[in-house]
C-alpha atoms as a PDB file:
ATOM      1  CA  MET A   1     -20.416 -31.716 -42.140  1.00  0.00           C
ATOM      2  CA  ALA A   2     -17.952 -30.339 -40.229  1.00  0.00           C
ATOM      3  CA  PHE A   3     -19.388 -31.336 -36.008  1.00  0.00           C
ATOM      4  CA  PHE A   4     -18.085 -28.070 -34.601  1.00  0.00           C
ATOM      5  CA  GLN A   5     -16.579 -24.290 -36.038  1.00  0.00           C
ATOM      6  CA  LEU A   6     -13.606 -22.871 -34.369  1.00  0.00           C
ATOM      7  CA  SER A   7     -13.761 -18.467 -34.585  1.00  0.00           C
ATOM      8  CA  SER A   8     -11.567 -16.554 -33.658  1.00  0.00           C
ATOM      9  CA  GLY A   9      -7.877 -15.907 -33.723  1.00  0.00           C
ATOM     10  CA  GLY A  10      -5.222 -18.649 -32.584  1.00  0.00           C
ATOM     11  CA  THR A  11      -4.059 -17.625 -29.672  1.00  0.00           C
ATOM     12  CA  ALA A  12      -7.794 -17.232 -28.274  1.00  0.00           C
ATOM     13  CA  ALA A  13      -8.815 -20.739 -29.746  1.00  0.00           C
ATOM     14  CA  ALA A  14      -5.618 -22.279 -28.059  1.00  0.00           C
ATOM     15  CA  ASN A  15      -6.141 -20.795 -24.986  1.00  0.00           C
ATOM     16  CA  ALA A  16      -9.890 -22.570 -24.976  1.00  0.00           C
ATOM     17  CA  LEU A  17      -8.396 -25.646 -25.587  1.00  0.00           C
ATOM     18  CA  ARG A  18      -5.283 -25.006 -22.701  1.00  0.00           C
ATOM     19  CA  ARG A  19      -8.590 -24.267 -20.515  1.00  0.00           C
ATOM     20  CA  ALA A  20     -10.465 -27.688 -21.763  1.00  0.00           C
ATOM     21  CA  LEU A  21      -7.049 -29.698 -20.977  1.00  0.00           C
ATOM     22  CA  GLY A  22      -7.004 -28.078 -17.195  1.00  0.00           C
ATOM     23  CA  VAL A  23     -10.998 -29.211 -17.000  1.00  0.00           C
ATOM     24  CA  LEU A  24     -10.025 -32.659 -17.795  1.00  0.00           C
ATOM     25  CA  TRP A  25      -7.079 -32.269 -15.195  1.00  0.00           C
ATOM     26  CA  LEU A  26      -9.830 -30.899 -12.704  1.00  0.00           C
ATOM     27  CA  ALA A  27     -12.164 -34.087 -13.949  1.00  0.00           C
ATOM     28  CA  ASP A  28      -9.262 -37.031 -13.484  1.00  0.00           C
ATOM     29  CA  ALA A  29      -8.825 -35.502  -9.854  1.00  0.00           C
ATOM     30  CA  LEU A  30     -12.408 -35.657  -8.900  1.00  0.00           C
ATOM     31  CA  VAL A  31     -12.488 -39.726 -10.423  1.00  0.00           C
ATOM     32  CA  LYS A  32      -9.297 -40.456  -7.718  1.00  0.00           C
ATOM     33  CA  ILE A  33     -11.670 -38.452  -4.889  1.00  0.00           C
ATOM     34  CA  LEU A  34     -14.850 -39.860  -5.688  1.00  0.00           C
ATOM     35  CA  ILE A  35     -13.055 -43.226  -6.367  1.00  0.00           C
ATOM     36  CA  PRO A  36     -11.142 -44.492  -3.653  1.00  0.00           C
ATOM     37  CA  PHE A  37      -7.864 -46.449  -4.235  1.00  0.00           C
ATOM     38  CA  GLY A  38      -9.289 -50.291  -3.241  1.00  0.00           C
ATOM     39  CA  GLY A  39     -11.231 -52.535  -5.039  1.00  0.00           C
ATOM     40  CA  ARG A  40     -11.760 -52.649  -8.675  1.00  0.00           C
ATOM     41  CA  ALA A  41      -9.284 -49.572  -9.029  1.00  0.00           C
ATOM     42  CA  ALA A  42      -6.792 -51.393  -7.312  1.00  0.00           C
ATOM     43  CA  ASP A  43      -7.531 -54.807  -9.357  1.00  0.00           C
ATOM     44  CA  GLN A  44      -7.208 -52.350 -12.114  1.00  0.00           C
ATOM     45  CA  ALA A  45      -3.301 -51.519 -10.874  1.00  0.00           C
ATOM     46  CA  TYR A  46      -2.663 -55.080 -10.688  1.00  0.00           C
ATOM     47  CA  GLU A  47      -3.885 -56.028 -14.524  1.00  0.00           C
ATOM     48  CA  GLN A  48      -0.901 -53.390 -15.252  1.00  0.00           C
ATOM     49  CA  ILE A  49       1.127 -55.282 -13.496  1.00  0.00           C
ATOM     50  CA  MET A  50       0.627 -58.133 -14.911  1.00  0.00           C
ATOM     51  CA  SER A  51       0.337 -56.453 -18.322  1.00  0.00           C
ATOM     52  CA  ALA A  52       3.998 -54.951 -17.648  1.00  0.00           C
ATOM     53  CA  MET A  53       5.613 -58.574 -16.992  1.00  0.00           C
ATOM     54  CA  SER A  54       6.518 -57.911 -20.774  1.00  0.00           C
ATOM     55  CA  GLY A  55       7.551 -54.662 -20.883  1.00  0.00           C
ATOM     56  CA  PRO A  56      10.898 -52.947 -20.018  1.00  0.00           C
ATOM     57  CA  PRO A  57      12.939 -54.830 -17.367  1.00  0.00           C
ATOM     58  CA  GLY A  58      11.740 -53.535 -13.757  1.00  0.00           C
ATOM     59  CA  LEU A  59       8.559 -51.909 -14.891  1.00  0.00           C
ATOM     60  CA  HIS A  60       6.284 -54.473 -13.179  1.00  0.00           C
ATOM     61  CA  ARG A  61       8.545 -54.212  -9.955  1.00  0.00           C
ATOM     62  CA  LEU A  62       7.863 -50.252  -9.940  1.00  0.00           C
ATOM     63  CA  LEU A  63       3.933 -50.647 -10.560  1.00  0.00           C
ATOM     64  CA  ALA A  64       3.721 -53.539  -7.972  1.00  0.00           C
ATOM     65  CA  ARG A  65       5.850 -51.546  -5.060  1.00  0.00           C
ATOM     66  CA  GLU A  66       3.816 -48.409  -6.077  1.00  0.00           C
ATOM     67  CA  THR A  67       0.253 -50.438  -5.572  1.00  0.00           C
ATOM     68  CA  ASN A  68       1.600 -52.045  -2.093  1.00  0.00           C
ATOM     69  CA  VAL A  69       2.451 -48.485  -1.120  1.00  0.00           C
ATOM     70  CA  PHE A  70      -1.349 -47.261  -1.909  1.00  0.00           C
ATOM     71  CA  ALA A  71      -2.822 -50.299  -0.450  1.00  0.00           C
ATOM     72  CA  ALA A  72      -1.111 -49.955   2.997  1.00  0.00           C
ATOM     73  CA  HIS A  73      -1.578 -46.137   3.186  1.00  0.00           C
ATOM     74  CA  PRO A  74      -4.889 -45.398   0.858  1.00  0.00           C
ATOM     75  CA  PHE A  75      -4.876 -41.673   2.573  1.00  0.00           C
ATOM     76  CA  LEU A  76      -1.489 -41.175  -0.267  1.00  0.00           C
ATOM     77  CA  TRP A  77      -4.128 -41.543  -2.973  1.00  0.00           C
ATOM     78  CA  TRP A  78      -5.259 -37.921  -2.674  1.00  0.00           C
ATOM     79  CA  LEU A  79      -1.400 -36.916  -3.182  1.00  0.00           C
ATOM     80  CA  PRO A  80      -2.202 -37.361  -6.984  1.00  0.00           C
ATOM     81  CA  ALA A  81      -6.002 -35.529  -7.038  1.00  0.00           C
ATOM     82  CA  GLY A  82      -4.632 -32.704  -5.126  1.00  0.00           C
ATOM     83  CA  VAL A  83      -1.666 -32.515  -7.586  1.00  0.00           C
ATOM     84  CA  GLU A  84      -3.934 -32.777 -10.541  1.00  0.00           C
ATOM     85  CA  LEU A  85      -6.806 -30.093  -8.595  1.00  0.00           C
ATOM     86  CA  CYS A  86      -3.669 -27.658  -8.847  1.00  0.00           C
ATOM     87  CA  LEU A  87      -2.851 -28.246 -12.465  1.00  0.00           C
ATOM     88  CA  GLY A  88      -6.376 -27.733 -13.366  1.00  0.00           C
ATOM     89  CA  GLY A  89      -6.498 -24.763 -11.552  1.00  0.00           C
ATOM     90  CA  TRP A  90      -3.906 -23.473 -12.710  1.00  0.00           C
ATOM     91  CA  LEU A  91      -4.810 -23.921 -16.532  1.00  0.00           C
ATOM     92  CA  LEU A  92      -7.674 -22.233 -16.220  1.00  0.00           C
ATOM     93  CA  ALA A  93      -6.660 -19.269 -14.283  1.00  0.00           C
ATOM     94  CA  ARG A  94      -3.470 -19.218 -16.585  1.00  0.00           C
ATOM     95  CA  PRO A  95      -4.059 -20.621 -19.945  1.00  0.00           C
ATOM     96  CA  ALA A  96      -0.969 -19.533 -21.623  1.00  0.00           C
ATOM     97  CA  SER A  97       1.476 -20.272 -18.558  1.00  0.00           C
ATOM     98  CA  ARG A  98       4.416 -21.813 -20.023  1.00  0.00           C
ATOM     99  CA  ARG A  99       5.036 -23.200 -16.431  1.00  0.00           C
ATOM    100  CA  ALA A 100       2.107 -24.669 -16.095  1.00  0.00           C
ATOM    101  CA  LEU A 101       1.858 -26.276 -19.228  1.00  0.00           C
ATOM    102  CA  ALA A 102       6.239 -27.623 -18.368  1.00  0.00           C
ATOM    103  CA  ILE A 103       4.844 -29.004 -15.307  1.00  0.00           C
ATOM    104  CA  SER A 104       1.560 -30.673 -16.501  1.00  0.00           C
ATOM    105  CA  ALA A 105       3.868 -32.545 -19.327  1.00  0.00           C
ATOM    106  CA  ALA A 106       6.013 -33.590 -16.602  1.00  0.00           C
ATOM    107  CA  TRP A 107       3.100 -35.036 -14.178  1.00  0.00           C
ATOM    108  CA  ALA A 108       1.552 -36.564 -17.366  1.00  0.00           C
ATOM    109  CA  VAL A 109       4.300 -38.515 -17.762  1.00  0.00           C
ATOM    110  CA  ILE A 110       4.610 -39.779 -14.256  1.00  0.00           C
ATOM    111  CA  VAL A 111       1.121 -40.986 -14.107  1.00  0.00           C
ATOM    112  CA  TRP A 112       1.843 -42.716 -17.356  1.00  0.00           C
ATOM    113  CA  VAL A 113       5.017 -45.046 -16.495  1.00  0.00           C
ATOM    114  CA  ALA A 114       3.863 -45.072 -12.617  1.00  0.00           C
ATOM    115  CA  GLY A 115      -0.315 -45.428 -13.003  1.00  0.00           C
ATOM    116  CA  GLU A 116      -1.004 -46.495 -16.351  1.00  0.00           C
ATOM    117  CA  GLY A 117       2.252 -48.875 -16.864  1.00  0.00           C
ATOM    118  CA  MET A 118       2.972 -47.105 -20.240  1.00  0.00           C
ATOM    119  CA  GLY A 119      -0.167 -47.491 -21.292  1.00  0.00           C
ATOM    120  CA  GLY A 120       0.035 -50.970 -21.937  1.00  0.00           C
ATOM    121  CA  LEU A 121       1.923 -50.453 -25.087  1.00  0.00           C
ATOM    122  CA  PHE A 122       4.774 -53.148 -23.796  1.00  0.00           C
ATOM    123  CA  GLY A 123       2.129 -55.965 -22.907  1.00  0.00           C
ATOM    124  CA  GLY A 124       1.290 -57.440 -25.699  1.00  0.00           C
ATOM    125  CA  ALA A 125      -2.441 -55.966 -26.457  1.00  0.00           C
ATOM    126  CA  SER A 126      -3.614 -52.293 -27.294  1.00  0.00           C
ATOM    127  CA  SER A 127      -6.076 -50.797 -29.584  1.00  0.00           C
ATOM    128  CA  VAL A 128      -7.451 -47.193 -29.721  1.00  0.00           C
ATOM    129  CA  LEU A 129     -10.397 -48.535 -29.141  1.00  0.00           C
ATOM    130  CA  MET A 130      -9.667 -49.838 -25.745  1.00  0.00           C
ATOM    131  CA  GLY A 131      -7.300 -46.652 -24.435  1.00  0.00           C
ATOM    132  CA  TYR A 132      -4.183 -46.548 -26.784  1.00  0.00           C
ATOM    133  CA  PRO A 133      -1.658 -45.134 -25.945  1.00  0.00           C
ATOM    134  CA  GLY A 134      -2.777 -43.989 -22.228  1.00  0.00           C
ATOM    135  CA  ALA A 135      -4.712 -40.985 -21.071  1.00  0.00           C
ATOM    136  CA  ALA A 136      -2.119 -39.256 -19.947  1.00  0.00           C
ATOM    137  CA  LEU A 137       0.803 -39.793 -22.879  1.00  0.00           C
ATOM    138  CA  LEU A 138      -2.474 -37.861 -24.940  1.00  0.00           C
ATOM    139  CA  TYR A 139      -2.050 -35.003 -22.126  1.00  0.00           C
ATOM    140  CA  VAL A 140       1.382 -34.948 -23.032  1.00  0.00           C
ATOM    141  CA  ALA A 141       0.739 -34.432 -26.663  1.00  0.00           C
ATOM    142  CA  ALA A 142      -1.816 -32.040 -26.169  1.00  0.00           C
ATOM    143  CA  VAL A 143       0.591 -29.804 -23.709  1.00  0.00           C
ATOM    144  CA  VAL A 144       3.635 -30.266 -26.659  1.00  0.00           C
ATOM    145  CA  VAL A 145       1.078 -29.034 -29.879  1.00  0.00           C
ATOM    146  CA  LEU A 146      -0.717 -26.337 -27.550  1.00  0.00           C
ATOM    147  CA  PHE A 147       2.705 -24.818 -25.788  1.00  0.00           C
ATOM    148  CA  PRO A 148       2.708 -21.294 -26.818  1.00  0.00           C
ATOM    149  CA  ALA A 149       5.263 -19.670 -28.714  1.00  0.00           C
ATOM    150  CA  ARG A 150       7.231 -16.780 -27.664  1.00  0.00           C
ATOM    151  CA  ARG A 151       5.673 -14.632 -30.763  1.00  0.00           C
ATOM    152  CA  PRO A 152       2.212 -16.290 -31.103  1.00  0.00           C
ATOM    153  CA  GLN A 153       0.923 -15.566 -34.960  1.00  0.00           C
ATOM    154  CA  GLU A 154      -2.582 -14.714 -34.991  1.00  0.00           C
ATOM    155  CA  LYS A 155      -2.767 -15.636 -39.043  1.00  0.00           C
ATOM    156  CA  VAL A 156      -2.768 -19.616 -38.238  1.00  0.00           C
ATOM    157  CA  ALA A 157      -5.349 -21.963 -40.426  1.00  0.00           C
ATOM    158  CA  ALA A 158      -5.738 -23.763 -36.715  1.00  0.00           C
ATOM    159  CA  ALA A 159      -4.831 -23.823 -32.736  1.00  0.00           C
ATOM    160  CA  VAL A 160      -2.086 -26.142 -32.838  1.00  0.00           C
ATOM    161  CA  GLU A 161      -0.160 -23.882 -35.372  1.00  0.00           C
ATOM    162  CA  ALA A 162      -0.175 -20.938 -32.977  1.00  0.00           C
ATOM    163  CA  GLY A 163       2.182 -22.979 -30.777  1.00  0.00           C
ATOM    164  CA  ILE A 164       5.684 -23.762 -30.460  1.00  0.00           C
ATOM    165  CA  MET A 165       5.701 -26.235 -33.124  1.00  0.00           C
ATOM    166  CA  GLY A 166       3.664 -24.673 -35.913  1.00  0.00           C
ATOM    167  CA  GLN A 167       2.792 -26.886 -38.789  1.00  0.00           C
ATOM    168  CA  TYR A 168       5.567 -29.436 -37.396  1.00  0.00           C
ATOM    169  CA  SER A 169       2.845 -30.370 -34.598  1.00  0.00           C
ATOM    170  CA  ARG A 170       1.116 -32.336 -38.143  1.00  0.00           C
ATOM    171  CA  MET A 171       4.264 -34.841 -37.826  1.00  0.00           C
ATOM    172  CA  LEU A 172       3.028 -35.673 -34.185  1.00  0.00           C
ATOM    173  CA  TRP A 173      -0.683 -36.179 -34.846  1.00  0.00           C
ATOM    174  CA  LEU A 174       0.699 -38.890 -37.843  1.00  0.00           C
ATOM    175  CA  ALA A 175       2.949 -40.367 -35.353  1.00  0.00           C
ATOM    176  CA  LEU A 176       0.204 -40.846 -33.322  1.00  0.00           C
ATOM    177  CA  TRP A 177      -2.665 -42.309 -35.617  1.00  0.00           C
ATOM    178  CA  LEU A 178       0.475 -44.354 -37.099  1.00  0.00           C
ATOM    179  CA  GLY A 179       0.817 -45.998 -33.704  1.00  0.00           C
ATOM    180  CA  ALA A 180      -2.466 -46.349 -33.442  1.00  0.00           C
ATOM    181  CA  ALA A 181      -3.203 -48.537 -36.885  1.00  0.00           C
ATOM    182  CA  PHE A 182      -0.235 -50.441 -35.847  1.00  0.00           C
ATOM    183  CA  PHE A 183      -1.426 -51.192 -32.255  1.00  0.00           C
ATOM    184  CA  THR A 184      -5.220 -51.995 -33.237  1.00  0.00           C
ATOM    185  CA  ALA A 185      -4.165 -54.307 -35.934  1.00  0.00           C
ATOM    186  CA  LEU A 186      -2.318 -56.545 -33.665  1.00  0.00           C
ATOM    187  CA  PRO A 187      -3.866 -59.978 -32.832  1.00  0.00           C
ATOM    188  CA  GLN A 188      -5.860 -58.704 -29.938  1.00  0.00           C
ATOM    189  CA  THR A 189      -5.780 -61.650 -27.433  1.00  0.00           C
ATOM    190  CA  GLY A 190      -4.323 -62.123 -23.403  1.00  0.00           C
ATOM    191  CA  PRO A 191      -4.706 -59.235 -20.860  1.00  0.00           C
ATOM    192  CA  GLY A 192      -5.156 -55.613 -22.409  1.00  0.00           C
ATOM    193  CA  GLY A 193      -6.939 -57.261 -25.643  1.00  0.00           C
ATOM    194  CA  VAL A 194      -9.901 -55.608 -26.866  1.00  0.00           C
ATOM    195  CA  VAL A 195     -12.445 -59.228 -25.465  1.00  0.00           C
ATOM    196  CA  PHE A 196     -10.360 -59.647 -22.712  1.00  0.00           C
ATOM    197  CA  MET A 197     -11.248 -55.786 -21.559  1.00  0.00           C
ATOM    198  CA  LEU A 198     -14.433 -55.825 -22.496  1.00  0.00           C
ATOM    199  CA  PHE A 199     -15.405 -59.072 -20.768  1.00  0.00           C
ATOM    200  CA  THR A 200     -13.595 -57.233 -18.257  1.00  0.00           C
ATOM    201  CA  ASN A 201     -15.921 -54.108 -18.333  1.00  0.00           C
ATOM    202  CA  GLU A 202     -18.840 -55.836 -18.726  1.00  0.00           C
ATOM    203  CA  GLN A 203     -19.467 -57.459 -15.187  1.00  0.00           C
ATOM    204  CA  GLU A 204     -19.329 -54.180 -13.659  1.00  0.00           C
ATOM    205  CA  ALA A 205     -20.816 -52.209 -16.099  1.00  0.00           C
ATOM    206  CA  PRO A 206     -24.588 -50.307 -15.519  1.00  0.00           C
ATOM    207  CA  GLY A 207     -27.501 -52.007 -16.936  1.00  0.00           C
ATOM    208  CA  PRO A 208     -27.642 -50.361 -20.207  1.00  0.00           C
ATOM    209  CA  LEU A 209     -23.589 -50.182 -20.719  1.00  0.00           C
ATOM    210  CA  ARG A 210     -23.909 -53.996 -19.672  1.00  0.00           C
ATOM    211  CA  ALA A 211     -26.256 -55.026 -22.560  1.00  0.00           C
ATOM    212  CA  VAL A 212     -24.010 -52.994 -24.895  1.00  0.00           C
ATOM    213  CA  ASP A 213     -21.255 -55.130 -23.676  1.00  0.00           C
ATOM    214  CA  ALA A 214     -23.074 -58.128 -24.043  1.00  0.00           C
ATOM    215  CA  ALA A 215     -23.657 -57.528 -27.803  1.00  0.00           C
ATOM    216  CA  GLU A 216     -20.307 -57.072 -28.186  1.00  0.00           C
ATOM    217  CA  LEU A 217     -19.048 -59.631 -26.946  1.00  0.00           C
ATOM    218  CA  GLY A 218     -21.392 -61.502 -28.954  1.00  0.00           C
ATOM    219  CA  TRP A 219     -20.091 -60.304 -32.221  1.00  0.00           C
ATOM    220  CA  LEU A 220     -16.468 -60.235 -31.546  1.00  0.00           C
ATOM    221  CA  THR A 221     -16.366 -63.797 -30.058  1.00  0.00           C
ATOM    222  CA  VAL A 222     -17.361 -65.406 -33.400  1.00  0.00           C
ATOM    223  CA  GLY A 223     -14.569 -64.461 -35.202  1.00  0.00           C
ATOM    224  CA  ASN A 224     -15.263 -60.723 -36.320  1.00  0.00           C
ATOM    225  CA  THR A 225     -12.137 -59.107 -33.463  1.00  0.00           C
ATOM    226  CA  THR A 226      -9.640 -59.394 -36.399  1.00  0.00           C
ATOM    227  CA  MET A 227     -11.850 -58.329 -38.862  1.00  0.00           C
ATOM    228  CA  LEU A 228     -12.793 -55.101 -36.456  1.00  0.00           C
ATOM    229  CA  GLY A 229      -9.184 -54.480 -35.748  1.00  0.00           C
ATOM    230  CA  ILE A 230      -8.107 -54.201 -39.826  1.00  0.00           C
ATOM    231  CA  VAL A 231     -10.803 -51.786 -40.238  1.00  0.00           C
ATOM    232  CA  VAL A 232     -10.429 -49.295 -37.149  1.00  0.00           C
ATOM    233  CA  ALA A 233      -6.794 -49.788 -38.195  1.00  0.00           C
ATOM    234  CA  VAL A 234      -7.007 -48.746 -41.717  1.00  0.00           C
ATOM    235  CA  ALA A 235      -9.648 -45.682 -40.203  1.00  0.00           C
ATOM    236  CA  CYS A 236      -6.757 -44.520 -38.229  1.00  0.00           C
ATOM    237  CA  LEU A 237      -4.153 -44.544 -41.025  1.00  0.00           C
ATOM    238  CA  VAL A 238      -6.580 -42.521 -43.157  1.00  0.00           C
ATOM    239  CA  VAL A 239      -7.627 -39.944 -40.349  1.00  0.00           C
ATOM    240  CA  GLY A 240      -3.530 -39.939 -39.843  1.00  0.00           C
ATOM    241  CA  PHE A 241      -2.498 -39.222 -43.637  1.00  0.00           C
ATOM    242  CA  THR A 242      -5.173 -36.967 -44.657  1.00  0.00           C
ATOM    243  CA  VAL A 243      -5.133 -34.036 -41.623  1.00  0.00           C
ATOM    244  CA  PHE A 244      -1.363 -34.394 -42.031  1.00  0.00           C
ATOM    245  CA  LEU A 245      -1.575 -33.568 -45.579  1.00  0.00           C
ATOM    246  CA  GLY A 246      -4.553 -31.480 -45.137  1.00  0.00           C
ATOM    247  CA  PHE A 247      -6.878 -32.856 -46.899  1.00  0.00           C
ATOM    248  CA  LEU A 248     -10.578 -33.138 -46.350  1.00  0.00           C
ATOM    249  CA  THR A 249      -9.614 -32.004 -42.974  1.00  0.00           C
ATOM    250  CA  ARG A 250     -12.886 -31.084 -41.243  1.00  0.00           C
ATOM    251  CA  LEU A 251     -14.310 -34.769 -42.434  1.00  0.00           C
ATOM    252  CA  PHE A 252     -11.282 -36.870 -40.943  1.00  0.00           C
ATOM    253  CA  LEU A 253     -11.216 -35.106 -37.906  1.00  0.00           C
ATOM    254  CA  SER A 254     -14.848 -35.643 -37.489  1.00  0.00           C
ATOM    255  CA  LEU A 255     -13.555 -39.354 -38.228  1.00  0.00           C
ATOM    256  CA  SER A 256     -11.097 -39.228 -35.445  1.00  0.00           C
ATOM    257  CA  ALA A 257     -13.394 -37.835 -33.031  1.00  0.00           C
ATOM    258  CA  LEU A 258     -16.038 -40.554 -34.067  1.00  0.00           C
ATOM    259  CA  ILE A 259     -13.983 -43.491 -33.568  1.00  0.00           C
ATOM    260  CA  ALA A 260     -12.487 -42.176 -30.279  1.00  0.00           C
ATOM    261  CA  LEU A 261     -16.093 -41.711 -28.819  1.00  0.00           C
ATOM    262  CA  ALA A 262     -16.915 -44.987 -30.143  1.00  0.00           C
ATOM    263  CA  GLY A 263     -14.108 -46.826 -28.235  1.00  0.00           C
ATOM    264  CA  TRP A 264     -14.846 -44.728 -25.106  1.00  0.00           C
ATOM    265  CA  VAL A 265     -18.578 -45.089 -24.855  1.00  0.00           C
ATOM    266  CA  ALA A 266     -19.171 -48.617 -26.412  1.00  0.00           C
ATOM    267  CA  MET A 267     -15.693 -50.018 -25.610  1.00  0.00           C
ATOM    268  CA  GLN A 268     -14.286 -48.569 -22.369  1.00  0.00           C
ATOM    269  CA  ASN A 269     -17.963 -47.697 -21.137  1.00  0.00           C
ATOM    270  CA  LEU A 270     -17.160 -43.928 -20.437  1.00  0.00           C
ATOM    271  CA  GLY A 271     -13.487 -44.641 -19.454  1.00  0.00           C
ATOM    272  CA  GLY A 272     -15.076 -47.036 -16.763  1.00  0.00           C
ATOM    273  CA  ILE A 273     -16.465 -43.638 -14.775  1.00  0.00           C
ATOM    274  CA  LEU A 274     -19.629 -45.107 -13.703  1.00  0.00           C
ATOM    275  CA  THR A 275     -18.059 -48.435 -12.801  1.00  0.00           C
ATOM    276  CA  GLY A 276     -15.769 -47.358 -10.209  1.00  0.00           C
ATOM    277  CA  SER A 277     -12.744 -49.137 -12.179  1.00  0.00           C
ATOM    278  CA  SER A 278     -10.838 -45.515 -13.119  1.00  0.00           C
ATOM    279  CA  THR A 279      -8.257 -43.483 -11.995  1.00  0.00           C
ATOM    280  CA  ASP A 280      -9.118 -41.260 -15.107  1.00  0.00           C
ATOM    281  CA  VAL A 281     -11.738 -39.780 -17.705  1.00  0.00           C
ATOM    282  CA  GLY A 282      -9.870 -42.210 -20.358  1.00  0.00           C
ATOM    283  CA  THR A 283      -8.857 -41.066 -23.536  1.00  0.00           C
ATOM    284  CA  GLY A 284     -12.118 -40.416 -25.218  1.00  0.00           C
ATOM    285  CA  PRO A 285     -12.320 -36.350 -24.399  1.00  0.00           C
ATOM    286  CA  VAL A 286      -8.189 -35.785 -24.871  1.00  0.00           C
ATOM    287  CA  LEU A 287      -8.315 -37.434 -28.476  1.00  0.00           C
ATOM    288  CA  VAL A 288     -11.718 -34.817 -29.107  1.00  0.00           C
ATOM    289  CA  LEU A 289      -9.486 -32.184 -27.290  1.00  0.00           C
ATOM    290  CA  LEU A 290      -6.870 -32.796 -29.956  1.00  0.00           C
ATOM    291  CA  ALA A 291      -9.152 -33.056 -32.920  1.00  0.00           C
ATOM    292  CA  LEU A 292     -10.218 -29.643 -32.451  1.00  0.00           C
ATOM    293  CA  ALA A 293      -6.947 -28.074 -31.852  1.00  0.00           C
ATOM    294  CA  PHE A 294      -6.680 -29.280 -35.651  1.00  0.00           C
ATOM    295  CA  TRP A 295      -9.712 -28.264 -36.690  1.00  0.00           C
ATOM    296  CA  PRO A 296      -9.034 -25.029 -39.640  1.00  0.00           C
ATOM    297  CA  LEU A 297     -10.151 -22.000 -37.772  1.00  0.00           C
ATOM    298  CA  ALA A 298     -13.612 -20.317 -39.331  1.00  0.00           C
ATOM    299  CA  LYS A 299     -11.338 -16.961 -40.048  1.00  0.00           C
ATOM    300  CA  ALA A 300      -9.087 -19.391 -42.618  1.00  0.00           C
ATOM    301  CA  GLY A 301     -11.484 -20.449 -44.157  1.00  0.00           C
ATOM    302  CA  SER A 302     -14.250 -16.948 -44.512  1.00  0.00           C
ATOM    303  CA  GLN A 303     -11.239 -15.358 -45.448  1.00  0.00           C
ATOM    304  CA  GLY A 304     -11.277 -13.752 -48.706  1.00  0.00           C
ATOM    305  CA  ALA A 305     -14.911 -14.916 -49.453  1.00  0.00           C
ATOM    306  CA  GLY A 306     -15.973 -11.474 -49.237  1.00  0.00           C
ATOM    307  CA  GLU A 307     -15.475 -10.686 -45.546  1.00  0.00           C
ATOM    308  CA  PRO A 308     -14.594  -7.129 -45.524  1.00  0.00           C
ATOM    309  CA  ARG A 309     -10.354  -6.304 -44.582  1.00  0.00           C
ATOM    310  CA  ALA A 310     -11.162  -3.972 -41.804  1.00  0.00           C
ATOM    311  CA  ALA A 311     -12.754  -6.516 -40.147  1.00  0.00           C
ATOM    312  CA  GLY A 312      -9.842  -9.207 -39.938  1.00  0.00           C
ATOM    313  CA  ALA A 313      -7.467  -5.475 -39.587  1.00  0.00           C
ATOM    314  CA  SER A 314      -9.726  -5.125 -36.729  1.00  0.00           C
ATOM    315  CA  ALA A 315      -8.895  -8.437 -35.004  1.00  0.00           C
ATOM    316  CA  ALA A 316      -5.428  -8.541 -35.254  1.00  0.00           C
ATOM    317  CA  PRO A 317      -4.823  -6.227 -32.604  1.00  0.00           C
ATOM    318  CA  ALA A 318      -7.272  -7.240 -30.215  1.00  0.00           C
ATOM    319  CA  ASP A 319      -5.753 -10.793 -30.655  1.00  0.00           C
ATOM    320  CA  ARG A 320      -2.157  -9.509 -30.000  1.00  0.00           C
ATOM    321  CA  GLY A 321      -3.232  -7.931 -27.120  1.00  0.00           C
ATOM    322  CA  GLU A 322      -4.422 -10.579 -25.544  1.00  0.00           C
ATOM    323  CA  ALA A 323      -1.123 -12.451 -26.430  1.00  0.00           C
ATOM    324  CA  GLN A 324       0.971  -9.963 -24.417  1.00  0.00           C
ATOM    325  CA  GLN A 325      -1.484 -10.114 -21.493  1.00  0.00           C
ATOM    326  CA  ALA A 326      -0.861 -13.885 -21.565  1.00  0.00           C
ATOM    327  CA  ALA A 327       2.370 -13.493 -21.946  1.00  0.00           C
ATOM    328  CA  ALA A 328       3.069 -11.028 -19.072  1.00  0.00           C
ATOM    329  CA  GLY A 329       0.722 -13.311 -16.693  1.00  0.00           C
ATOM    330  CA  ASP A 330       3.226 -16.265 -17.762  1.00  0.00           C
ATOM    331  CA  ALA A 331       6.118 -13.972 -16.194  1.00  0.00           C
ATOM    332  CA  GLY A 332       4.256 -13.532 -12.641  1.00  0.00           C
ATOM    333  CA  ALA A 333       3.556 -16.929 -12.751  1.00  0.00           C
END
């Protein structure tokens, strides 16, 4: 059964998802404001430095210098929060602004490299259950698939097809989930591995989440880590190929959202928000946003099933008018 129904035209659906991306930027800024740099957030930065030791040359030095600067001057922590507040407000006010989306993607790349240590992908262990490939890189993916085309099309099967990539956005979805399968199937040992990260999260999780973490650790430490990685990796492969091929799209998009939420809640402890160990809301919400971006529009499924042609004809001019207004707003942004 489908867990969500998207209606309206491609432009309206895409604008709603861009506004949702703006809300995520605002949430990230709020996390930074409420959790000042220091304590567990600083410890997380040092863990990223250690993980980056096996990454590209110089990455760990960059992260070390950055962490020292923030530790010596905590007031600088307000700068990224301010940038993300502005980005979130901009996208809420002008969701079709190509300039706002481009700056969002550029800032997300900076955060992914300098703030997330490239998502830990070069640290020896990563998993879709523990934050692959880094929340900021997923923001970039969301911007790419939702970036508005010069001439928006309304007769599309999903919101992403109204964007500049059109149907080619399915290739990005496939690449994302193939990567998730690859990294999740790797041995989860050392810093960044499932057991290590889950043990770290358990130490500071609130009562109910701590009990969940303890139960998961008890199951994983008896030799089930590899089995879990293989099962989830296979699920990632299925999700990637089925959505790419358009086979039972709603079912497997629902599975992708389930994987994202399961990891976000059960493994990442809601992205670490409640433990003071995070600087953003994590990967779960943006993976769900991406699933909604590929979700088949209700109009595509209902067209031809007894729906009057006049209704579709009358909806098209309204959607075109909204697209023209968005384009005019972008020009003035």
